[in-house]
Amino acid sequence: MKHEQFASLVLQEAKRLWSEYSQRPEDAFGKGHAAMALIDPQGKFYGEIYGPDKAQAKGFAGIAWRKVNQVWLTGHATGDFERAVFAGQLDEGDFSINKPDYIGWEGGVPFEADGQWSGAFSGCRGTTDVAIVHEAVAAAKQLNR
């Protein structure tokens, strides 16, 4: 499957999942706004912004972009990368990213799909953002069979 088709499936599934998860009070963080971002193995960016208020949605889009960009640069999930750097297990200098630019919130993850991809969601609790990425990717892979 072409990367564009795969990305489209992931984005569709993420939107469906977000509409379900965001009904739970603990995941209504975005108040009807969220964003999903992907970077494929060639560095092409895909994304979608959800919600009626552009100003509010812009904030989630910026967070999703920062998450996915950090994953793309480091190859590590957001949250995990920061913990490893601060524990002395990784050297930030190896990744072209400095501490002031880290985004420690969960929601950005690397995944394999015909090469190394980076994905990120922003709009729910961090653990739910991660679940949306993982579940959307798994569903897109199933649809690709």
N, C-alpha and C. Protein backbone atom coordinates (compact mmCIF):
# COMPACT_ATOMS: atom_id res chain seq x y z
N MET A 1 0.84 -1.18 0.00
CA MET A 1 0.00 0.00 0.00
C MET A 1 0.88 1.24 0.00
N LYS A 2 0.48 2.23 -0.73
CA LYS A 2 1.21 3.48 -0.75
C LYS A 2 1.11 4.18 0.60
N HIS A 3 2.13 4.94 0.90
CA HIS A 3 2.15 5.64 2.19
C HIS A 3 0.97 6.58 2.34
N GLU A 4 0.57 7.25 1.25
CA GLU A 4 -0.56 8.18 1.33
C GLU A 4 -1.84 7.45 1.71
N GLN A 5 -2.04 6.27 1.14
CA GLN A 5 -3.24 5.50 1.45
C GLN A 5 -3.22 5.03 2.90
N PHE A 6 -2.07 4.55 3.34
CA PHE A 6 -1.95 4.10 4.72
C PHE A 6 -2.20 5.26 5.68
N ALA A 7 -1.57 6.40 5.42
CA ALA A 7 -1.77 7.57 6.28
C ALA A 7 -3.23 7.97 6.33
N SER A 8 -3.91 7.94 5.20
CA SER A 8 -5.32 8.28 5.16
C SER A 8 -6.15 7.34 6.04
N LEU A 9 -5.84 6.06 5.99
CA LEU A 9 -6.55 5.09 6.84
C LEU A 9 -6.28 5.34 8.32
N VAL A 10 -5.03 5.63 8.66
CA VAL A 10 -4.70 5.92 10.06
C VAL A 10 -5.45 7.16 10.54
N LEU A 11 -5.46 8.20 9.72
CA LEU A 11 -6.15 9.43 10.10
C LEU A 11 -7.66 9.21 10.26
N GLN A 12 -8.25 8.45 9.36
CA GLN A 12 -9.69 8.16 9.47
C GLN A 12 -9.99 7.41 10.76
N GLU A 13 -9.18 6.41 11.05
CA GLU A 13 -9.41 5.61 12.25
C GLU A 13 -9.15 6.43 13.52
N ALA A 14 -8.14 7.28 13.50
CA ALA A 14 -7.86 8.12 14.66
C ALA A 14 -9.04 9.05 14.95
N LYS A 15 -9.62 9.60 13.91
CA LYS A 15 -10.78 10.48 14.09
C LYS A 15 -11.95 9.71 14.70
N ARG A 16 -12.17 8.50 14.22
CA ARG A 16 -13.26 7.67 14.77
C ARG A 16 -13.00 7.35 16.24
N LEU A 17 -11.77 6.94 16.55
CA LEU A 17 -11.42 6.61 17.93
C LEU A 17 -11.54 7.83 18.84
N TRP A 18 -11.05 8.96 18.36
CA TRP A 18 -11.12 10.18 19.16
C TRP A 18 -12.57 10.53 19.48
N SER A 19 -13.46 10.36 18.50
CA SER A 19 -14.86 10.70 18.76
C SER A 19 -15.45 9.80 19.84
N GLU A 20 -14.96 8.57 19.94
CA GLU A 20 -15.41 7.67 21.01
C GLU A 20 -14.76 8.03 22.35
N TYR A 21 -13.44 8.10 22.35
CA TYR A 21 -12.72 8.37 23.60
C TYR A 21 -13.10 9.72 24.20
N SER A 22 -13.29 10.72 23.38
CA SER A 22 -13.54 12.07 23.91
C SER A 22 -14.91 12.19 24.57
N GLN A 23 -15.74 11.15 24.48
CA GLN A 23 -17.02 11.17 25.18
C GLN A 23 -16.85 10.86 26.66
N ARG A 24 -15.72 10.27 27.02
CA ARG A 24 -15.46 9.97 28.44
C ARG A 24 -14.99 11.26 29.12
N PRO A 25 -15.54 11.57 30.28
CA PRO A 25 -15.16 12.82 30.95
C PRO A 25 -13.64 12.98 31.14
N GLU A 26 -12.97 11.90 31.47
CA GLU A 26 -11.52 11.98 31.71
C GLU A 26 -10.71 12.20 30.43
N ASP A 27 -11.35 12.00 29.28
CA ASP A 27 -10.68 12.21 28.00
C ASP A 27 -11.28 13.35 27.19
N ALA A 28 -12.08 14.17 27.83
CA ALA A 28 -12.69 15.31 27.15
C ALA A 28 -11.80 16.55 27.29
N PHE A 29 -10.52 16.30 27.48
CA PHE A 29 -9.53 17.35 27.69
C PHE A 29 -9.57 18.42 26.60
N GLY A 30 -9.73 18.01 25.37
CA GLY A 30 -9.69 18.94 24.25
C GLY A 30 -10.96 19.71 24.01
N LYS A 31 -12.02 19.39 24.75
CA LYS A 31 -13.30 20.10 24.61
C LYS A 31 -13.73 20.18 23.14
N GLY A 32 -13.63 19.02 22.45
CA GLY A 32 -14.06 18.96 21.05
C GLY A 32 -12.97 19.28 20.05
N HIS A 33 -11.73 19.37 20.50
CA HIS A 33 -10.61 19.71 19.62
C HIS A 33 -9.48 18.71 19.81
N ALA A 34 -8.80 18.39 18.73
CA ALA A 34 -7.67 17.45 18.78
C ALA A 34 -6.92 17.53 17.46
N ALA A 35 -5.80 16.81 17.39
CA ALA A 35 -5.03 16.75 16.15
C ALA A 35 -4.24 15.45 16.10
N MET A 36 -4.03 14.96 14.90
CA MET A 36 -3.23 13.76 14.64
C MET A 36 -2.16 14.13 13.63
N ALA A 37 -0.94 13.65 13.85
CA ALA A 37 0.16 13.93 12.93
C ALA A 37 0.96 12.66 12.67
N LEU A 38 1.41 12.51 11.44
CA LEU A 38 2.22 11.35 11.03
C LEU A 38 3.39 11.84 10.18
N ILE A 39 4.52 11.14 10.28
CA ILE A 39 5.64 11.34 9.36
C ILE A 39 6.02 9.97 8.84
N ASP A 40 6.05 9.82 7.51
CA ASP A 40 6.35 8.51 6.92
C ASP A 40 7.86 8.29 6.82
N PRO A 41 8.29 7.11 6.37
CA PRO A 41 9.73 6.81 6.33
C PRO A 41 10.54 7.75 5.44
N GLN A 42 9.91 8.42 4.49
CA GLN A 42 10.61 9.37 3.62
C GLN A 42 10.56 10.80 4.16
N GLY A 43 9.91 11.00 5.30
CA GLY A 43 9.83 12.33 5.90
C GLY A 43 8.62 13.14 5.47
N LYS A 44 7.67 12.52 4.78
CA LYS A 44 6.47 13.24 4.38
C LYS A 44 5.52 13.35 5.56
N PHE A 45 4.95 14.53 5.72
CA PHE A 45 4.06 14.82 6.85
C PHE A 45 2.60 14.68 6.44
N TYR A 46 1.81 14.07 7.32
CA TYR A 46 0.37 13.93 7.15
C TYR A 46 -0.29 14.35 8.47
N GLY A 47 -1.44 14.96 8.39
CA GLY A 47 -2.10 15.34 9.62
C GLY A 47 -3.53 15.75 9.41
N GLU A 48 -4.21 15.85 10.53
CA GLU A 48 -5.60 16.31 10.51
C GLU A 48 -5.89 17.01 11.83
N ILE A 49 -6.67 18.06 11.74
CA ILE A 49 -7.06 18.84 12.91
C ILE A 49 -8.57 18.68 13.08
N TYR A 50 -9.00 18.43 14.30
CA TYR A 50 -10.41 18.21 14.59
C TYR A 50 -10.93 19.31 15.52
N GLY A 51 -12.12 19.78 15.27
CA GLY A 51 -12.77 20.72 16.17
C GLY A 51 -13.25 21.97 15.46
N PRO A 52 -14.28 22.60 16.02
CA PRO A 52 -14.92 23.74 15.35
C PRO A 52 -14.19 25.08 15.52
N ASP A 53 -13.44 25.25 16.59
CA ASP A 53 -12.80 26.53 16.87
C ASP A 53 -11.34 26.47 16.42
N LYS A 54 -11.01 27.20 15.36
CA LYS A 54 -9.66 27.13 14.79
C LYS A 54 -8.59 27.55 15.80
N ALA A 55 -8.88 28.55 16.61
CA ALA A 55 -7.88 29.01 17.58
C ALA A 55 -7.56 27.92 18.60
N GLN A 56 -8.59 27.24 19.10
CA GLN A 56 -8.35 26.16 20.06
C GLN A 56 -7.69 24.96 19.37
N ALA A 57 -8.16 24.63 18.19
CA ALA A 57 -7.62 23.48 17.46
C ALA A 57 -6.15 23.70 17.11
N LYS A 58 -5.78 24.94 16.84
CA LYS A 58 -4.39 25.28 16.50
C LYS A 58 -3.43 24.83 17.60
N GLY A 59 -3.82 25.00 18.83
CA GLY A 59 -2.96 24.59 19.94
C GLY A 59 -2.70 23.09 19.94
N PHE A 60 -3.73 22.31 19.68
CA PHE A 60 -3.56 20.85 19.64
C PHE A 60 -2.74 20.43 18.43
N ALA A 61 -2.91 21.14 17.32
CA ALA A 61 -2.10 20.85 16.13
C ALA A 61 -0.63 21.11 16.41
N GLY A 62 -0.34 22.19 17.11
CA GLY A 62 1.05 22.50 17.45
C GLY A 62 1.67 21.46 18.36
N ILE A 63 0.89 20.97 19.32
CA ILE A 63 1.39 19.94 20.23
C ILE A 63 1.61 18.64 19.47
N ALA A 64 0.66 18.25 18.62
CA ALA A 64 0.83 17.02 17.84
C ALA A 64 2.07 17.12 16.95
N TRP A 65 2.29 18.29 16.33
CA TRP A 65 3.47 18.47 15.49
C TRP A 65 4.75 18.35 16.32
N ARG A 66 4.79 18.97 17.50
CA ARG A 66 5.99 18.87 18.34
C ARG A 66 6.24 17.43 18.76
N LYS A 67 5.19 16.72 19.10
CA LYS A 67 5.34 15.31 19.49
C LYS A 67 5.89 14.48 18.34
N VAL A 68 5.25 14.57 17.18
CA VAL A 68 5.65 13.73 16.05
C VAL A 68 7.05 14.10 15.57
N ASN A 69 7.38 15.37 15.59
CA ASN A 69 8.71 15.81 15.17
C ASN A 69 9.78 15.25 16.10
N GLN A 70 9.52 15.27 17.41
CA GLN A 70 10.48 14.72 18.37
C GLN A 70 10.66 13.22 18.16
N VAL A 71 9.58 12.50 17.92
CA VAL A 71 9.69 11.07 17.67
C VAL A 71 10.50 10.82 16.40
N TRP A 72 10.23 11.60 15.37
CA TRP A 72 10.94 11.46 14.10
C TRP A 72 12.44 11.71 14.29
N LEU A 73 12.79 12.73 15.06
CA LEU A 73 14.19 13.06 15.31
C LEU A 73 14.90 12.01 16.16
N THR A 74 14.20 11.49 17.17
CA THR A 74 14.86 10.64 18.16
C THR A 74 14.62 9.16 17.99
N GLY A 75 13.51 8.79 17.37
CA GLY A 75 13.15 7.37 17.28
C GLY A 75 12.57 6.82 18.57
N HIS A 76 12.30 7.70 19.53
CA HIS A 76 11.77 7.29 20.83
C HIS A 76 10.42 7.94 21.08
N ALA A 77 9.57 7.24 21.80
CA ALA A 77 8.28 7.80 22.19
C ALA A 77 8.47 9.03 23.06
N THR A 78 7.57 10.00 22.92
CA THR A 78 7.63 11.16 23.82
C THR A 78 7.41 10.65 25.23
N GLY A 79 7.97 11.30 26.18
CA GLY A 79 7.94 10.82 27.56
C GLY A 79 9.12 9.89 27.81
N ASP A 80 9.24 8.81 27.02
CA ASP A 80 10.35 7.87 27.18
C ASP A 80 11.69 8.53 26.88
N PHE A 81 11.72 9.34 25.83
CA PHE A 81 12.97 10.00 25.45
C PHE A 81 13.48 10.89 26.58
N GLU A 82 12.61 11.71 27.13
CA GLU A 82 13.01 12.62 28.19
C GLU A 82 13.51 11.86 29.41
N ARG A 83 12.79 10.82 29.80
CA ARG A 83 13.21 10.02 30.96
C ARG A 83 14.62 9.46 30.73
N ALA A 84 14.88 8.96 29.52
CA ALA A 84 16.18 8.36 29.22
C ALA A 84 17.29 9.41 29.23
N VAL A 85 17.02 10.60 28.71
CA VAL A 85 18.04 11.66 28.72
C VAL A 85 18.34 12.08 30.16
N PHE A 86 17.32 12.33 30.95
CA PHE A 86 17.53 12.80 32.32
C PHE A 86 18.14 11.71 33.21
N ALA A 87 17.96 10.45 32.84
CA ALA A 87 18.58 9.34 33.58
C ALA A 87 20.01 9.07 33.11
N GLY A 88 20.47 9.81 32.10
CA GLY A 88 21.81 9.63 31.58
C GLY A 88 21.97 8.44 30.64
N GLN A 89 20.85 7.88 30.17
CA GLN A 89 20.91 6.73 29.27
C GLN A 89 21.07 7.15 27.81
N LEU A 90 20.67 8.37 27.48
CA LEU A 90 20.81 8.91 26.13
C LEU A 90 21.45 10.29 26.22
N ASP A 91 22.19 10.66 25.18
CA ASP A 91 22.79 11.99 25.08
C ASP A 91 21.96 12.81 24.11
N GLU A 92 21.36 13.89 24.58
CA GLU A 92 20.51 14.71 23.72
C GLU A 92 21.26 15.22 22.49
N GLY A 93 22.56 15.39 22.59
CA GLY A 93 23.36 15.86 21.47
C GLY A 93 23.35 14.93 20.27
N ASP A 94 23.00 13.68 20.49
CA ASP A 94 22.94 12.71 19.39
C ASP A 94 21.68 12.86 18.55
N PHE A 95 20.74 13.74 18.96
CA PHE A 95 19.42 13.77 18.33
C PHE A 95 19.00 15.12 17.76
N SER A 96 19.86 16.09 17.78
CA SER A 96 19.53 17.43 17.26
C SER A 96 18.32 18.05 17.95
N ILE A 97 18.21 17.82 19.24
CA ILE A 97 17.12 18.41 20.02
C ILE A 97 17.68 18.72 21.41
N ASN A 98 17.34 19.88 21.93
CA ASN A 98 17.84 20.31 23.23
C ASN A 98 16.72 20.36 24.25
N LYS A 99 17.09 20.27 25.52
CA LYS A 99 16.10 20.19 26.59
C LYS A 99 14.98 21.24 26.51
N PRO A 100 15.25 22.49 26.17
CA PRO A 100 14.14 23.44 26.10
C PRO A 100 13.11 23.09 25.02
N ASP A 101 13.50 22.27 24.06
CA ASP A 101 12.60 21.93 22.96
C ASP A 101 11.88 20.60 23.14
N TYR A 102 12.19 19.88 24.22
CA TYR A 102 11.51 18.59 24.46
C TYR A 102 10.02 18.81 24.67
N ILE A 103 9.26 17.82 24.28
CA ILE A 103 7.87 17.76 24.70
C ILE A 103 7.72 16.43 25.44
N GLY A 104 7.52 16.52 26.72
CA GLY A 104 7.50 15.33 27.56
C GLY A 104 6.16 14.63 27.64
N TRP A 105 5.12 15.25 27.14
CA TRP A 105 3.80 14.64 27.21
C TRP A 105 3.75 13.39 26.34
N GLU A 106 3.09 12.39 26.84
CA GLU A 106 2.90 11.17 26.05
C GLU A 106 1.96 11.46 24.89
N GLY A 107 2.08 10.61 23.88
CA GLY A 107 1.20 10.76 22.72
C GLY A 107 1.94 10.67 21.40
N GLY A 108 3.26 10.70 21.44
CA GLY A 108 4.05 10.53 20.23
C GLY A 108 4.78 9.20 20.28
N VAL A 109 4.64 8.39 19.24
CA VAL A 109 5.25 7.06 19.23
C VAL A 109 5.82 6.71 17.85
N PRO A 110 6.92 5.93 17.85
CA PRO A 110 7.39 5.38 16.59
C PRO A 110 6.63 4.08 16.31
N PHE A 111 6.47 3.74 15.03
CA PHE A 111 5.87 2.45 14.70
C PHE A 111 6.35 2.00 13.33
N GLU A 112 6.26 0.72 13.11
CA GLU A 112 6.71 0.10 11.87
C GLU A 112 5.50 -0.15 10.97
N ALA A 113 5.60 0.31 9.74
CA ALA A 113 4.57 0.05 8.72
C ALA A 113 5.23 0.31 7.37
N ASP A 114 5.86 -0.71 6.81
CA ASP A 114 6.62 -0.55 5.57
C ASP A 114 7.69 0.52 5.75
N GLY A 115 8.42 0.40 6.85
CA GLY A 115 9.44 1.37 7.22
C GLY A 115 9.08 2.03 8.54
N GLN A 116 10.00 2.82 9.05
CA GLN A 116 9.81 3.47 10.35
C GLN A 116 8.98 4.74 10.20
N TRP A 117 7.85 4.78 10.88
CA TRP A 117 6.96 5.94 10.91
C TRP A 117 7.02 6.58 12.29
N SER A 118 6.53 7.81 12.36
CA SER A 118 6.32 8.50 13.62
C SER A 118 4.87 8.96 13.63
N GLY A 119 4.22 8.80 14.77
CA GLY A 119 2.83 9.23 14.88
C GLY A 119 2.59 9.92 16.20
N ALA A 120 1.65 10.85 16.22
CA ALA A 120 1.32 11.54 17.46
C ALA A 120 -0.13 12.00 17.44
N PHE A 121 -0.74 11.97 18.61
CA PHE A 121 -2.09 12.47 18.79
C PHE A 121 -2.08 13.42 19.96
N SER A 122 -2.91 14.45 19.91
CA SER A 122 -3.07 15.39 21.00
C SER A 122 -4.54 15.76 21.11
N GLY A 123 -5.09 15.62 22.31
CA GLY A 123 -6.48 16.01 22.51
C GLY A 123 -7.14 15.28 23.67
N CYS A 124 -6.48 14.24 24.19
CA CYS A 124 -6.99 13.49 25.33
C CYS A 124 -5.87 13.37 26.36
N ARG A 125 -6.08 12.57 27.39
CA ARG A 125 -4.98 12.28 28.32
C ARG A 125 -3.86 11.61 27.54
N GLY A 126 -2.63 11.74 28.01
CA GLY A 126 -1.48 11.17 27.32
C GLY A 126 -1.62 9.69 27.02
N THR A 127 -2.08 8.92 28.00
CA THR A 127 -2.22 7.47 27.78
C THR A 127 -3.26 7.18 26.69
N THR A 128 -4.28 7.99 26.62
CA THR A 128 -5.30 7.82 25.59
C THR A 128 -4.77 8.27 24.24
N ASP A 129 -3.99 9.34 24.21
CA ASP A 129 -3.36 9.78 22.96
C ASP A 129 -2.52 8.64 22.37
N VAL A 130 -1.74 7.97 23.23
CA VAL A 130 -0.92 6.83 22.79
C VAL A 130 -1.82 5.71 22.28
N ALA A 131 -2.88 5.40 23.01
CA ALA A 131 -3.79 4.32 22.60
C ALA A 131 -4.41 4.63 21.25
N ILE A 132 -4.78 5.87 21.02
CA ILE A 132 -5.38 6.24 19.73
C ILE A 132 -4.40 5.99 18.59
N VAL A 133 -3.14 6.38 18.77
CA VAL A 133 -2.15 6.13 17.72
C VAL A 133 -2.01 4.64 17.47
N HIS A 134 -1.79 3.87 18.54
CA HIS A 134 -1.60 2.42 18.38
C HIS A 134 -2.81 1.74 17.75
N GLU A 135 -3.99 2.09 18.22
CA GLU A 135 -5.21 1.46 17.70
C GLU A 135 -5.50 1.87 16.27
N ALA A 136 -5.25 3.12 15.93
CA ALA A 136 -5.47 3.59 14.56
C ALA A 136 -4.51 2.89 13.60
N VAL A 137 -3.27 2.74 13.99
CA VAL A 137 -2.27 2.05 13.15
C VAL A 137 -2.65 0.59 12.99
N ALA A 138 -3.04 -0.08 14.06
CA ALA A 138 -3.43 -1.48 13.97
C ALA A 138 -4.63 -1.66 13.06
N ALA A 139 -5.60 -0.78 13.16
CA ALA A 139 -6.79 -0.87 12.30
C ALA A 139 -6.41 -0.64 10.83
N ALA A 140 -5.54 0.33 10.58
CA ALA A 140 -5.11 0.62 9.20
C ALA A 140 -4.36 -0.58 8.62
N LYS A 141 -3.55 -1.24 9.44
CA LYS A 141 -2.84 -2.43 8.97
C LYS A 141 -3.82 -3.54 8.63
N GLN A 142 -4.86 -3.72 9.44
CA GLN A 142 -5.88 -4.74 9.17
C GLN A 142 -6.62 -4.45 7.87
N LEU A 143 -6.96 -3.20 7.67
CA LEU A 143 -7.66 -2.81 6.44
C LEU A 143 -6.79 -2.98 5.21
N ASN A 144 -5.49 -2.97 5.41
CA ASN A 144 -4.53 -3.09 4.32
C ASN A 144 -4.34 -4.54 3.86
N ARG A 145 -4.78 -5.50 4.64
CA ARG A 145 -4.57 -6.92 4.33
C ARG A 145 -5.33 -7.34 3.10
